[in-house]
Protein backbone atom coordinates (compact mmCIF):
# COMPACT_ATOMS: atom_id res chain seq x y z
CA MET A 1 38.40 26.54 -66.58
CA PRO A 2 39.54 24.93 -63.36
CA ASP A 3 38.49 26.56 -60.20
CA GLN A 4 41.10 28.44 -58.19
CA ARG A 5 41.45 29.38 -54.69
CA TYR A 6 41.99 33.10 -53.72
CA GLU A 7 45.57 33.90 -52.99
CA VAL A 8 47.21 37.22 -52.42
CA SER A 9 50.25 37.75 -54.66
CA GLN A 10 53.10 40.16 -54.20
CA THR A 11 53.31 40.65 -58.09
CA PRO A 12 50.71 41.65 -60.66
CA PHE A 13 49.43 39.10 -63.05
CA ARG A 14 51.72 38.27 -66.05
CA GLN A 15 50.66 36.28 -69.10
CA SER A 16 52.15 32.72 -68.77
CA SER A 17 54.98 31.97 -71.10
CA LYS A 18 53.20 28.71 -72.06
CA ASN A 19 50.55 30.88 -73.82
CA GLN A 20 53.12 32.97 -75.95
CA ALA A 21 53.57 32.04 -79.55
CA LYS A 22 56.66 30.12 -80.40
CA SER A 23 56.84 31.29 -84.13
CA PRO A 24 59.17 34.24 -84.68
CA ALA A 25 57.46 37.56 -85.01
CA ARG A 26 56.84 38.96 -88.37
CA PRO A 27 57.25 42.53 -89.17
CA ALA A 28 53.91 44.63 -88.62
CA PRO A 29 52.35 46.33 -91.65
CA PRO A 30 52.23 50.09 -91.52
CA GLY A 31 49.63 51.46 -89.02
CA ALA A 32 49.29 48.14 -87.21
CA LEU A 33 51.37 49.38 -84.28
CA SER A 34 49.09 52.11 -83.46
CA ARG A 35 45.90 49.78 -83.79
CA ARG A 36 47.55 47.22 -81.50
CA GLN A 37 48.24 49.97 -78.86
CA SER A 38 44.56 51.18 -79.06
CA ALA A 39 43.43 47.64 -78.70
CA GLY A 40 45.76 47.16 -75.81
CA GLU A 41 44.41 50.23 -74.13
CA ARG A 42 40.85 48.89 -74.46
CA ARG A 43 41.70 45.58 -72.99
CA ASN A 44 43.46 47.22 -70.06
CA SER A 45 40.42 49.39 -69.58
CA VAL A 46 37.97 46.40 -69.54
CA SER A 47 40.49 44.43 -67.26
CA ASN A 48 40.61 47.20 -64.73
CA SER A 49 36.94 47.93 -64.61
CA SER A 50 36.31 44.09 -64.05
CA ASN A 51 38.67 44.02 -60.94
CA VAL A 52 36.11 46.19 -58.95
CA CYS A 53 38.89 47.91 -57.20
CA ASN A 54 42.69 48.45 -57.59
CA PRO A 55 43.72 46.11 -54.68
CA PHE A 56 42.12 43.29 -56.57
CA ALA A 57 44.56 43.47 -59.45
CA CYS A 58 46.81 41.09 -57.49
CA LEU A 59 44.27 38.67 -56.36
CA HIS A 60 44.47 35.39 -58.28
CA TYR A 61 40.92 34.74 -59.51
CA SER A 62 38.89 35.15 -62.50
CA VAL A 63 36.43 37.96 -62.60
CA HIS A 64 34.96 36.50 -65.99
CA ARG A 65 33.50 33.32 -64.65
CA TYR A 66 29.98 34.90 -64.40
CA PRO A 67 29.42 37.10 -67.60
CA SER A 68 27.11 40.10 -66.86
CA GLY A 69 24.92 42.03 -69.28
CA PRO A 70 21.84 41.27 -71.35
CA GLN A 71 23.42 38.18 -72.93
CA GLN A 72 23.99 36.47 -69.58
CA PRO A 73 23.21 32.89 -69.97
CA ALA A 74 21.27 30.97 -67.30
CA PHE A 75 23.25 29.20 -64.75
CA ASP A 76 23.09 25.39 -64.35
CA GLY A 77 20.74 24.05 -61.95
CA ARG A 78 17.05 24.67 -60.98
CA ARG A 79 17.33 28.44 -61.05
CA THR A 80 18.68 31.14 -63.43
CA ARG A 81 20.50 34.21 -62.54
CA ALA A 82 17.35 36.26 -62.53
CA ASP A 83 15.77 34.18 -59.92
CA TRP A 84 18.42 35.04 -57.37
CA LEU A 85 17.86 38.77 -57.88
CA SER A 86 16.35 40.70 -54.84
CA GLN A 87 17.75 38.11 -52.43
CA THR A 88 20.04 39.88 -50.18
CA ILE A 89 23.01 38.48 -48.27
CA PHE A 90 24.69 40.05 -45.23
CA VAL A 91 28.44 39.48 -45.16
CA LEU A 92 30.28 39.93 -41.93
CA GLU A 93 34.09 40.18 -42.70
CA ASP A 94 36.75 42.61 -41.43
CA ASP A 95 39.16 42.00 -44.29
CA ALA A 96 38.40 44.42 -46.90
CA ASP A 97 39.97 42.55 -49.71
CA ILE A 98 38.27 39.37 -48.78
CA SER A 99 34.93 41.02 -48.24
CA ARG A 100 35.20 42.78 -51.70
CA LEU A 101 36.18 39.51 -53.35
CA VAL A 102 33.05 37.77 -51.99
CA GLN A 103 30.82 40.65 -52.85
CA HIS A 104 31.97 40.68 -56.34
CA HIS A 105 31.23 37.00 -56.96
CA LEU A 106 27.93 37.00 -55.15
CA GLU A 107 26.75 39.99 -56.96
CA ALA A 108 27.92 38.50 -60.33
CA ALA A 109 25.68 35.43 -59.40
CA GLY A 110 22.81 37.78 -59.04
CA PHE A 111 22.57 38.39 -55.29
CA ASP A 112 22.46 41.82 -53.45
CA VAL A 113 25.27 42.07 -50.90
CA ARG A 114 25.73 44.13 -47.78
CA LEU A 115 29.17 44.25 -46.08
CA PHE A 116 29.79 44.68 -42.32
CA GLN A 117 33.18 44.93 -40.86
CA THR A 118 31.89 44.55 -37.30
CA PRO A 119 28.94 42.95 -35.75
CA THR A 120 27.64 46.15 -34.21
CA ASN A 121 24.95 47.11 -36.84
CA LEU A 122 24.44 43.73 -38.37
CA ILE A 123 21.48 42.62 -36.28
CA PRO A 124 19.73 46.19 -36.22
CA GLU A 125 20.01 46.47 -39.96
CA ALA A 126 18.61 42.80 -40.31
CA GLU A 127 15.71 43.81 -38.26
CA ARG A 128 14.94 46.65 -40.72
CA GLN A 129 15.31 44.49 -43.72
CA ALA A 130 15.75 40.71 -43.28
CA PRO A 131 18.35 39.17 -45.62
CA ALA A 132 18.06 35.92 -47.20
CA LEU A 133 21.26 34.60 -45.76
CA PHE A 134 24.13 35.58 -43.21
CA LEU A 135 27.67 34.85 -44.14
CA LEU A 136 29.83 35.17 -40.97
CA ASP A 137 33.46 35.28 -40.20
CA ILE A 138 34.18 34.29 -36.74
CA MET A 139 37.16 36.46 -35.78
CA VAL A 140 36.02 39.96 -36.20
CA PRO A 141 36.69 43.14 -34.36
CA GLY A 142 34.09 44.23 -31.67
CA GLY A 143 32.78 40.72 -31.25
CA ASP A 144 32.80 37.40 -33.00
CA GLY A 145 30.61 35.42 -35.67
CA LEU A 146 29.99 32.71 -33.01
CA ASP A 147 28.21 35.11 -30.66
CA VAL A 148 26.43 36.76 -33.64
CA CYS A 149 25.12 33.32 -34.58
CA ARG A 150 23.90 32.59 -31.11
CA ARG A 151 22.09 35.87 -30.98
CA LEU A 152 20.45 35.39 -34.31
CA ARG A 153 19.16 31.94 -33.47
CA ASN A 154 17.75 33.27 -30.21
CA HIS A 155 16.16 36.21 -32.17
CA ALA A 156 12.32 35.73 -32.91
CA GLY A 157 12.44 37.28 -36.15
CA LEU A 158 15.62 36.24 -37.43
CA SER A 159 16.15 32.67 -36.11
CA THR A 160 15.12 30.89 -39.38
CA ILE A 161 17.40 32.78 -41.69
CA PRO A 162 20.17 30.49 -43.01
CA ILE A 163 23.78 31.05 -41.52
CA ILE A 164 27.05 29.96 -43.30
CA PHE A 165 30.40 30.51 -41.37
CA LEU A 166 33.26 31.71 -43.62
CA THR A 167 36.31 31.48 -41.35
CA ALA A 168 40.09 30.46 -41.15
CA ARG A 169 39.14 28.34 -38.01
CA ALA A 170 39.22 24.87 -39.59
CA SER A 171 39.30 22.38 -36.67
CA GLU A 172 36.74 19.90 -36.33
CA ASN A 173 35.97 21.30 -32.90
CA ASP A 174 35.33 24.61 -34.48
CA ARG A 175 33.00 23.07 -37.13
CA VAL A 176 31.00 21.18 -34.66
CA LEU A 177 30.68 24.23 -32.39
CA GLY A 178 29.44 26.20 -35.36
CA LEU A 179 26.77 23.44 -36.11
CA GLU A 180 25.78 23.31 -32.41
CA LEU A 181 25.03 27.05 -32.54
CA GLY A 182 22.86 26.51 -35.56
CA ALA A 183 25.02 27.23 -38.70
CA ASP A 184 23.73 25.63 -41.93
CA ASP A 185 27.15 25.34 -43.46
CA TYR A 186 30.86 26.05 -42.53
CA ILE A 187 33.44 27.06 -45.16
CA THR A 188 36.97 27.54 -44.33
CA LYS A 189 39.73 29.82 -45.69
CA PRO A 190 41.20 29.75 -48.20
CA PHE A 191 38.10 29.13 -50.27
CA ALA A 192 37.24 28.67 -53.94
CA THR A 193 34.88 31.44 -55.10
CA ARG A 194 32.91 29.20 -57.42
CA GLU A 195 32.53 26.75 -54.52
CA LEU A 196 31.36 29.49 -52.31
CA VAL A 197 28.67 30.71 -54.62
CA ALA A 198 27.52 27.15 -55.25
CA ARG A 199 27.27 26.44 -51.44
CA VAL A 200 25.30 29.62 -50.86
CA LYS A 201 22.79 28.57 -53.43
CA ALA A 202 22.75 25.02 -52.00
CA VAL A 203 21.81 26.39 -48.63
CA LEU A 204 19.06 28.54 -50.05
CA ARG A 205 17.63 25.76 -51.88
CA ARG A 206 17.46 23.60 -48.68
CA PHE A 207 15.62 26.57 -47.05
CA GLU A 208 12.94 26.79 -49.92
CA ARG A 209 9.44 25.72 -48.89
CA PRO A 210 7.79 22.78 -50.53
CA THR A 211 5.12 23.66 -53.35
CA ALA A 212 2.56 21.22 -51.92
CA PRO A 213 1.14 21.69 -48.37
CA SER A 214 2.08 18.97 -45.95
CA VAL A 215 1.42 18.50 -42.16
CA THR A 216 2.71 15.70 -40.10
CA SER A 217 1.44 15.52 -36.57
CA PHE A 218 1.62 13.08 -33.56
CA GLU A 219 0.80 13.64 -30.06
CA ASP A 220 1.93 17.26 -29.13
CA VAL A 221 4.07 17.83 -32.14
CA VAL A 222 2.92 19.41 -35.38
CA ILE A 223 5.35 19.49 -38.35
CA ASP A 224 3.97 22.01 -41.00
CA ALA A 225 6.23 21.55 -44.08
CA ASN A 226 4.49 24.26 -45.99
CA ALA A 227 5.05 26.96 -43.35
CA MET A 228 8.18 25.32 -42.28
CA GLN A 229 6.86 25.65 -38.79
CA LEU A 230 7.21 23.24 -35.76
CA LYS A 231 4.79 23.22 -32.89
CA VAL A 232 5.45 21.39 -29.76
CA ARG A 233 2.87 21.15 -27.06
CA GLY A 234 0.97 24.20 -28.51
CA GLU A 235 3.93 26.56 -28.90
CA ILE A 236 5.96 27.51 -31.96
CA THR A 237 9.36 26.05 -31.56
CA THR A 238 12.31 27.67 -33.44
CA THR A 239 14.47 25.51 -35.73
CA THR A 240 17.04 26.18 -38.40
CA ALA A 241 16.21 25.34 -41.94
CA THR A 242 18.46 22.14 -41.82
CA GLU A 243 16.98 20.90 -38.43
CA PHE A 244 13.53 21.31 -39.85
CA ARG A 245 14.38 19.46 -43.24
CA LEU A 246 16.02 16.58 -41.16
CA LEU A 247 13.04 16.34 -38.78
CA ASP A 248 10.56 16.54 -41.60
CA TYR A 249 12.41 13.76 -43.64
CA LEU A 250 12.68 11.40 -40.67
CA ALA A 251 8.90 12.03 -39.66
CA ARG A 252 7.79 11.23 -43.25
CA HIS A 253 9.43 7.80 -43.04
CA PRO A 254 8.42 6.40 -39.69
CA GLY A 255 9.91 3.08 -38.70
CA ARG A 256 12.72 3.16 -41.26
CA VAL A 257 16.26 3.09 -40.09
CA PHE A 258 18.58 5.72 -42.02
CA SER A 259 22.29 5.28 -41.84
CA ARG A 260 24.03 8.71 -41.24
CA ASP A 261 25.36 8.64 -44.81
CA ARG A 262 21.87 8.24 -46.09
CA LEU A 263 20.75 11.21 -44.23
CA LEU A 264 23.73 13.42 -45.27
CA ASP A 265 22.71 12.52 -48.92
CA ALA A 266 18.97 13.27 -48.24
CA VAL A 267 19.16 16.46 -46.22
CA TRP A 268 22.55 18.01 -47.02
CA GLY A 269 23.20 16.90 -50.51
CA ASP A 270 26.90 17.54 -51.67
CA ALA A 271 27.74 20.02 -48.76
CA ARG A 272 31.33 19.07 -48.07
CA PHE A 273 31.55 20.19 -44.44
CA VAL A 274 29.19 17.88 -42.94
CA THR A 275 30.28 14.49 -41.56
CA PRO A 276 28.61 11.66 -39.72
CA ARG A 277 29.24 13.58 -36.44
CA SER A 278 27.38 16.53 -37.93
CA VAL A 279 24.27 14.37 -38.23
CA ASP A 280 24.67 13.45 -34.50
CA VAL A 281 24.75 17.16 -33.61
CA TYR A 282 21.51 17.93 -35.35
CA VAL A 283 19.82 14.74 -33.98
CA ARG A 284 20.69 15.94 -30.44
CA ARG A 285 19.34 19.49 -31.20
CA ILE A 286 16.02 18.05 -32.43
CA ARG A 287 15.62 15.79 -29.53
CA GLU A 288 15.95 18.77 -27.24
CA LYS A 289 12.95 20.46 -29.02
CA ILE A 290 10.55 17.64 -29.49
CA GLU A 291 11.38 15.21 -26.68
CA ILE A 292 10.21 15.63 -23.13
CA ASP A 293 13.41 13.74 -22.04
CA PRO A 294 15.99 14.11 -24.69
CA GLU A 295 18.37 11.63 -22.94
CA ASN A 296 15.44 8.91 -23.35
CA PRO A 297 13.86 9.74 -26.66
CA ARG A 298 10.49 8.48 -27.48
CA TYR A 299 10.36 9.44 -31.18
CA LEU A 300 13.88 9.88 -32.63
CA LYS A 301 15.63 6.65 -31.68
CA THR A 302 19.42 5.53 -32.19
CA VAL A 303 19.81 2.29 -33.84
CA ARG A 304 23.31 1.17 -32.72
CA GLY A 305 25.58 0.40 -35.39
CA ALA A 306 22.96 1.43 -37.92
CA GLY A 307 21.79 4.91 -37.51
CA TYR A 308 18.52 6.44 -36.66
CA ARG A 309 14.85 5.54 -36.79
CA PHE A 310 11.80 7.87 -36.14
CA GLU A 311 8.98 6.08 -34.25
CA MET A 312 5.58 7.51 -34.66
CA PRO A 313 3.33 6.74 -31.65
CA ARG A 314 0.44 4.52 -32.05
CA ALA A 315 -2.97 6.01 -31.83
CA GLU A 316 -4.91 4.83 -28.87
């Protein structure tokens, strides 16, 4: 079934005339009418329970994309539905219909979801029980998602948790600003629910720690891939998951020149929000954390017309 984007309709669902039988109706046998009515009542009951709440009866999305129950098949990819259980996602969204739509599809994919209409209690609740990911709208009452993102990235205990913006602000400047504040993905409304779930999983996969321990060190910089930890001049330096993956990838291939497109493929995969300018934003953020003089970098060099090269200092 092709994916659909959510859209609020003024009329309830109706069966398309294309799906109606063209052959003339034959008379029903005795007793068939009552049986059909009972079956129709059962179907209506199932349909109403699948919509989560009555307001969703007019939302154009299918609630049967992710079957539930003991016969649930494994999802495509490296993980099954059961693997995502116990991972909680905090959703900051003031629109009740959209938040319940997001909640329904994420829970159908195996996540636990907590909804917040305002940012007031989001960080205190995260301090009590840290989520696996934050999904933030930007324009919400009592604050905005950009400020929440900024506060999370400056919070010692929550700074490494992935953040995805889900917002109607779709300009390139808004996307770049979100990246500069430390977002790991940026999804604009209207959005496709299946794509939303896929991109949440993609961000969480990027955040996974490698199975084999690996440490790259040079001068005053230590990149611990197993702990996903960066130390600069003896102090732990906070990075987002995407920043760390980009730095680790470049440091593992010293001397090689990577185009922006190659880095997009290696670090972001199929994330659609990123552009070559996004790579530049992350490179600048990494330089600010590892370079003594970010304007004249020693390690992460720009190769004009080609991309970026990581230069490992020679041992004296």
